[in-house]
Amino acid sequence: FGVLYSGAVSRNSVLALVKNVSVSRSTEICIHPGFPAPKNVPHYPQTEYNDFIASNARKIEHDVLVDKSVQTAIRRRGLTLRAYDGEAKQ
């Protein structure tokens, strides 16, 4: 999912995914939520990495994941969000 919507994840796109995803299979949602790092601070030697971690898209992805309507849709479908380590998220 995340590869196709990289930098363009929205509440509506995640709700559409949740509505249509198979409940009998695992689906990986590859997004990197967070809060943007300060712009023009070279955290990494690769410019594109710095551009990514400073992007406001990370905050948007964070906001989508904590959105009540997304959480409600996930619960109604009987889905479980898991972190990279496999632990269920509340």
N, C-alpha and C. Protein backbone atom coordinates (compact mmCIF):
# COMPACT_ATOMS: atom_id res chain seq x y z
N PHE A 1 0.82 -1.21 0.00
CA PHE A 1 0.00 0.00 0.00
C PHE A 1 0.85 1.26 0.00
N GLY A 2 1.82 1.34 0.88
CA GLY A 2 2.60 2.56 1.02
C GLY A 2 3.41 2.94 -0.20
N VAL A 3 3.89 1.95 -0.93
CA VAL A 3 4.68 2.24 -2.11
C VAL A 3 3.84 3.01 -3.14
N LEU A 4 2.60 2.59 -3.32
CA LEU A 4 1.73 3.24 -4.29
C LEU A 4 1.28 4.63 -3.84
N TYR A 5 1.21 4.84 -2.53
CA TYR A 5 0.71 6.11 -2.01
C TYR A 5 1.79 6.91 -1.29
N SER A 6 3.04 6.58 -1.53
CA SER A 6 4.14 7.24 -0.84
C SER A 6 4.03 8.76 -0.97
N GLY A 7 4.00 9.42 0.16
CA GLY A 7 3.88 10.88 0.17
C GLY A 7 2.49 11.40 -0.09
N ALA A 8 1.53 10.49 -0.30
CA ALA A 8 0.16 10.92 -0.61
C ALA A 8 -0.87 10.16 0.21
N VAL A 9 -0.45 9.61 1.34
CA VAL A 9 -1.38 8.89 2.20
C VAL A 9 -2.37 9.88 2.78
N SER A 10 -3.63 9.53 2.69
CA SER A 10 -4.68 10.38 3.25
C SER A 10 -5.64 9.51 4.04
N ARG A 11 -6.47 10.16 4.81
CA ARG A 11 -7.48 9.43 5.57
C ARG A 11 -8.36 8.63 4.61
N ASN A 12 -8.77 9.24 3.52
CA ASN A 12 -9.65 8.54 2.56
C ASN A 12 -8.96 7.34 1.91
N SER A 13 -7.67 7.46 1.58
CA SER A 13 -6.99 6.32 0.96
C SER A 13 -6.83 5.17 1.94
N VAL A 14 -6.56 5.47 3.21
CA VAL A 14 -6.44 4.41 4.22
C VAL A 14 -7.82 3.81 4.50
N LEU A 15 -8.85 4.63 4.58
CA LEU A 15 -10.20 4.08 4.79
C LEU A 15 -10.61 3.16 3.64
N ALA A 16 -10.26 3.53 2.40
CA ALA A 16 -10.56 2.67 1.25
C ALA A 16 -9.80 1.36 1.35
N LEU A 17 -8.57 1.41 1.78
CA LEU A 17 -7.78 0.19 1.97
C LEU A 17 -8.43 -0.69 3.03
N VAL A 18 -8.75 -0.12 4.18
CA VAL A 18 -9.36 -0.88 5.27
C VAL A 18 -10.68 -1.51 4.83
N LYS A 19 -11.45 -0.78 4.06
CA LYS A 19 -12.74 -1.28 3.58
C LYS A 19 -12.58 -2.48 2.64
N ASN A 20 -11.51 -2.49 1.85
CA ASN A 20 -11.37 -3.48 0.79
C ASN A 20 -10.33 -4.57 1.04
N VAL A 21 -9.54 -4.44 2.07
CA VAL A 21 -8.50 -5.43 2.32
C VAL A 21 -9.12 -6.75 2.79
N SER A 22 -8.49 -7.85 2.39
CA SER A 22 -8.96 -9.18 2.81
C SER A 22 -8.70 -9.36 4.30
N VAL A 23 -9.70 -9.87 5.02
CA VAL A 23 -9.51 -10.11 6.45
C VAL A 23 -8.84 -11.47 6.70
N SER A 24 -8.65 -12.26 5.66
CA SER A 24 -8.04 -13.58 5.83
C SER A 24 -6.56 -13.60 5.41
N ARG A 25 -6.00 -12.42 5.12
CA ARG A 25 -4.60 -12.33 4.70
C ARG A 25 -3.92 -11.17 5.41
N SER A 26 -2.61 -11.21 5.41
CA SER A 26 -1.84 -10.09 5.94
C SER A 26 -1.63 -9.06 4.84
N THR A 27 -1.71 -7.81 5.21
CA THR A 27 -1.45 -6.72 4.28
C THR A 27 -0.45 -5.78 4.94
N GLU A 28 0.61 -5.47 4.24
CA GLU A 28 1.61 -4.57 4.78
C GLU A 28 1.31 -3.15 4.31
N ILE A 29 1.21 -2.25 5.27
CA ILE A 29 1.01 -0.83 4.98
C ILE A 29 2.35 -0.16 5.28
N CYS A 30 3.03 0.26 4.25
CA CYS A 30 4.37 0.84 4.40
C CYS A 30 4.30 2.36 4.42
N ILE A 31 4.15 2.88 5.60
CA ILE A 31 4.21 4.33 5.75
C ILE A 31 5.13 4.63 6.92
N HIS A 32 5.62 5.83 6.97
CA HIS A 32 6.60 6.22 7.98
C HIS A 32 6.12 7.46 8.72
N PRO A 33 5.16 7.26 9.63
CA PRO A 33 4.62 8.41 10.34
C PRO A 33 5.65 9.02 11.28
N GLY A 34 5.50 10.27 11.52
CA GLY A 34 6.39 10.95 12.45
C GLY A 34 6.19 12.44 12.37
N PHE A 35 7.12 13.12 12.93
CA PHE A 35 7.08 14.57 12.90
C PHE A 35 8.29 15.05 12.11
N PRO A 36 8.10 15.99 11.20
CA PRO A 36 9.18 16.41 10.32
C PRO A 36 10.40 16.93 11.08
N ALA A 37 11.56 16.49 10.63
CA ALA A 37 12.82 17.02 11.16
C ALA A 37 13.00 18.44 10.61
N PRO A 38 13.80 19.24 11.26
CA PRO A 38 14.04 20.60 10.75
C PRO A 38 14.62 20.54 9.33
N LYS A 39 14.14 21.41 8.47
CA LYS A 39 14.65 21.48 7.09
C LYS A 39 16.08 22.03 7.10
N ASN A 40 16.82 21.65 6.09
CA ASN A 40 18.19 22.13 5.88
C ASN A 40 19.16 21.71 6.99
N VAL A 41 18.82 20.64 7.73
CA VAL A 41 19.74 20.09 8.71
C VAL A 41 20.18 18.74 8.14
N PRO A 42 21.46 18.59 7.81
CA PRO A 42 21.92 17.36 7.16
C PRO A 42 22.08 16.19 8.14
N HIS A 43 20.98 15.48 8.39
CA HIS A 43 21.03 14.32 9.27
C HIS A 43 21.69 13.13 8.58
N TYR A 44 21.53 13.04 7.26
CA TYR A 44 22.06 11.93 6.46
C TYR A 44 22.89 12.50 5.32
N PRO A 45 23.87 11.74 4.83
CA PRO A 45 24.65 12.21 3.69
C PRO A 45 23.85 12.26 2.38
N GLN A 46 22.76 11.48 2.29
CA GLN A 46 21.94 11.45 1.08
C GLN A 46 20.85 12.53 1.19
N THR A 47 20.86 13.46 0.25
CA THR A 47 19.91 14.58 0.26
C THR A 47 18.47 14.09 0.30
N GLU A 48 18.16 13.05 -0.49
CA GLU A 48 16.77 12.59 -0.54
C GLU A 48 16.28 12.07 0.81
N TYR A 49 17.15 11.51 1.64
CA TYR A 49 16.75 11.08 2.98
C TYR A 49 16.38 12.27 3.83
N ASN A 50 17.20 13.31 3.75
CA ASN A 50 16.92 14.53 4.52
C ASN A 50 15.61 15.16 4.07
N ASP A 51 15.38 15.16 2.76
CA ASP A 51 14.12 15.70 2.24
C ASP A 51 12.94 14.91 2.78
N PHE A 52 13.09 13.58 2.85
CA PHE A 52 12.01 12.74 3.35
C PHE A 52 11.73 13.01 4.83
N ILE A 53 12.76 13.00 5.66
CA ILE A 53 12.50 13.15 7.09
C ILE A 53 12.04 14.56 7.46
N ALA A 54 12.25 15.52 6.56
CA ALA A 54 11.77 16.88 6.80
C ALA A 54 10.40 17.12 6.17
N SER A 55 9.87 16.11 5.50
CA SER A 55 8.60 16.26 4.79
C SER A 55 7.41 16.30 5.74
N ASN A 56 6.47 17.19 5.45
CA ASN A 56 5.23 17.26 6.21
C ASN A 56 4.35 16.03 5.99
N ALA A 57 4.65 15.24 4.94
CA ALA A 57 3.88 14.02 4.68
C ALA A 57 3.98 13.06 5.86
N ARG A 58 5.08 13.07 6.58
CA ARG A 58 5.22 12.19 7.75
C ARG A 58 4.20 12.54 8.83
N LYS A 59 3.96 13.82 9.05
CA LYS A 59 2.97 14.26 10.04
C LYS A 59 1.57 13.89 9.58
N ILE A 60 1.31 14.03 8.28
CA ILE A 60 0.01 13.66 7.74
C ILE A 60 -0.23 12.16 7.95
N GLU A 61 0.80 11.34 7.70
CA GLU A 61 0.66 9.90 7.92
C GLU A 61 0.42 9.59 9.39
N HIS A 62 1.09 10.30 10.28
CA HIS A 62 0.84 10.13 11.72
C HIS A 62 -0.61 10.44 12.04
N ASP A 63 -1.09 11.59 11.55
CA ASP A 63 -2.45 12.01 11.84
C ASP A 63 -3.48 11.02 11.32
N VAL A 64 -3.21 10.42 10.15
CA VAL A 64 -4.12 9.41 9.59
C VAL A 64 -4.19 8.20 10.52
N LEU A 65 -3.05 7.75 11.02
CA LEU A 65 -3.04 6.55 11.86
C LEU A 65 -3.73 6.75 13.21
N VAL A 66 -3.79 7.97 13.71
CA VAL A 66 -4.45 8.21 14.99
C VAL A 66 -5.86 8.76 14.81
N ASP A 67 -6.30 8.88 13.56
CA ASP A 67 -7.64 9.39 13.25
C ASP A 67 -8.69 8.40 13.79
N LYS A 68 -9.66 8.90 14.52
CA LYS A 68 -10.69 8.05 15.14
C LYS A 68 -11.49 7.25 14.10
N SER A 69 -11.77 7.84 12.95
CA SER A 69 -12.55 7.13 11.94
C SER A 69 -11.76 5.96 11.35
N VAL A 70 -10.45 6.12 11.24
CA VAL A 70 -9.61 5.02 10.75
C VAL A 70 -9.56 3.91 11.81
N GLN A 71 -9.38 4.28 13.05
CA GLN A 71 -9.34 3.28 14.13
C GLN A 71 -10.67 2.53 14.22
N THR A 72 -11.77 3.25 14.09
CA THR A 72 -13.10 2.62 14.13
C THR A 72 -13.27 1.65 12.97
N ALA A 73 -12.87 2.04 11.78
CA ALA A 73 -12.99 1.18 10.60
C ALA A 73 -12.16 -0.09 10.76
N ILE A 74 -10.99 0.05 11.33
CA ILE A 74 -10.11 -1.11 11.55
C ILE A 74 -10.77 -2.08 12.53
N ARG A 75 -11.29 -1.56 13.62
CA ARG A 75 -11.97 -2.42 14.62
C ARG A 75 -13.20 -3.10 14.02
N ARG A 76 -13.99 -2.35 13.29
CA ARG A 76 -15.22 -2.92 12.70
C ARG A 76 -14.91 -4.06 11.74
N ARG A 77 -13.80 -3.98 11.03
CA ARG A 77 -13.41 -5.04 10.10
C ARG A 77 -12.75 -6.20 10.82
N GLY A 78 -12.44 -6.05 12.10
CA GLY A 78 -11.77 -7.11 12.84
C GLY A 78 -10.30 -7.23 12.50
N LEU A 79 -9.71 -6.13 12.03
CA LEU A 79 -8.30 -6.11 11.66
C LEU A 79 -7.45 -5.74 12.86
N THR A 80 -6.17 -6.09 12.81
CA THR A 80 -5.23 -5.74 13.86
C THR A 80 -4.05 -5.03 13.25
N LEU A 81 -3.76 -3.84 13.73
CA LEU A 81 -2.55 -3.14 13.31
C LEU A 81 -1.38 -3.68 14.11
N ARG A 82 -0.28 -3.93 13.43
CA ARG A 82 0.92 -4.41 14.09
C ARG A 82 2.10 -3.54 13.70
N ALA A 83 3.00 -3.37 14.62
CA ALA A 83 4.21 -2.62 14.36
C ALA A 83 5.20 -3.53 13.63
N TYR A 84 6.31 -2.98 13.23
CA TYR A 84 7.34 -3.72 12.51
C TYR A 84 7.79 -4.95 13.30
N ASP A 85 7.79 -4.85 14.61
CA ASP A 85 8.21 -5.99 15.44
C ASP A 85 7.13 -7.04 15.63
N GLY A 86 5.95 -6.82 15.04
CA GLY A 86 4.86 -7.80 15.11
C GLY A 86 3.90 -7.58 16.27
N GLU A 87 4.24 -6.70 17.17
CA GLU A 87 3.36 -6.44 18.31
C GLU A 87 2.09 -5.72 17.87
N ALA A 88 0.96 -6.16 18.42
CA ALA A 88 -0.32 -5.50 18.11
C ALA A 88 -0.33 -4.10 18.69
N LYS A 89 -0.86 -3.15 17.92
CA LYS A 89 -0.97 -1.78 18.37
C LYS A 89 -2.38 -1.60 18.95
N GLN A 90 -2.50 -0.78 19.95
CA GLN A 90 -3.80 -0.54 20.58
C GLN A 90 -4.56 0.54 19.89
